[in-house]
């Protein structure tokens, strides 16, 4: 696996954009729709998918903080 340089500002932007997306989906009651993965329905919802993205972005941010 190749090492890449990740900037804190990029992670912060991804985090806040994802938070905005989550709130937008919730406000429009779209977060409960089942996500489609591989062309078929999945038990997870769009809201679950957003939570997964936030989890990973937060982990990346923490790793950057530890190495700083």
Protein backbone atom coordinates (compact mmCIF):
# COMPACT_ATOMS: atom_id res chain seq x y z
CA UNK A 1 0.00 0.00 0.00
CA UNK A 2 1.33 3.44 -0.91
CA UNK A 3 1.66 6.21 1.62
CA UNK A 4 -0.15 9.40 0.77
CA UNK A 5 -0.01 12.81 2.33
CA UNK A 6 -3.35 13.86 3.77
CA UNK A 7 -3.93 17.42 4.85
CA UNK A 8 -5.88 18.27 7.99
CA UNK A 9 -7.86 20.93 6.07
CA UNK A 10 -9.05 18.31 3.55
CA UNK A 11 -10.20 15.98 6.31
CA UNK A 12 -11.95 18.83 8.10
CA UNK A 13 -13.73 19.82 4.87
CA UNK A 14 -14.81 16.22 4.24
CA UNK A 15 -16.09 15.93 7.81
CA UNK A 16 -18.15 19.11 7.73
CA UNK A 17 -19.48 18.41 4.23
CA UNK A 18 -20.58 14.97 5.43
CA UNK A 19 -22.24 16.50 8.50
CA UNK A 20 -24.11 18.92 6.21
CA UNK A 21 -25.14 16.04 3.97
CA UNK A 22 -26.38 14.07 6.99
CA UNK A 23 -28.46 16.99 8.26
CA UNK A 24 -29.85 17.65 4.78
CA UNK A 25 -30.89 14.02 4.35
CA UNK A 26 -32.48 13.96 7.81
CA UNK A 27 -34.31 17.26 7.25
CA UNK A 28 -35.79 15.92 4.02
CA UNK A 29 -36.51 12.51 5.57
CA UNK A 30 -34.24 10.77 3.07
CA UNK A 31 -31.88 9.15 5.57
CA UNK A 32 -34.14 6.12 6.10
CA UNK A 33 -33.96 4.91 2.50
CA UNK A 34 -32.11 1.65 2.05
CA UNK A 35 -28.74 2.00 0.45
CA UNK A 36 -28.06 0.16 -2.79
CA UNK A 37 -24.79 -1.73 -2.93
CA UNK A 38 -23.69 -3.81 -5.89
CA UNK A 39 -26.99 -3.24 -7.65
CA UNK A 40 -29.16 -4.70 -4.90
CA UNK A 41 -30.92 -3.48 -1.80
CA UNK A 42 -29.05 -3.65 1.46
CA UNK A 43 -30.28 -3.65 5.06
CA UNK A 44 -28.29 -0.48 5.80
CA UNK A 45 -29.86 2.89 5.17
CA UNK A 46 -28.39 6.03 3.63
CA UNK A 47 -28.13 7.37 7.19
CA UNK A 48 -26.05 4.33 8.19
CA UNK A 49 -23.79 4.91 5.22
CA UNK A 50 -23.23 8.55 6.24
CA UNK A 51 -22.44 7.44 9.80
CA UNK A 52 -19.84 5.01 8.42
CA UNK A 53 -18.23 7.78 6.38
CA UNK A 54 -18.11 10.08 9.43
CA UNK A 55 -16.53 7.28 11.49
CA UNK A 56 -13.74 6.80 8.95
CA UNK A 57 -13.13 10.51 8.47
CA UNK A 58 -12.85 10.94 12.25
CA UNK A 59 -10.36 8.05 12.42
CA UNK A 60 -8.22 9.61 9.70
CA UNK A 61 -8.31 12.94 11.52
CA UNK A 62 -7.22 11.29 14.79
CA UNK A 63 -4.33 9.55 13.02
CA UNK A 64 -3.18 12.88 11.61
CA UNK A 65 -3.34 14.42 15.09
CA UNK A 66 -1.28 11.58 16.57
CA UNK A 67 1.46 12.01 13.95
CA UNK A 68 1.60 15.79 14.34
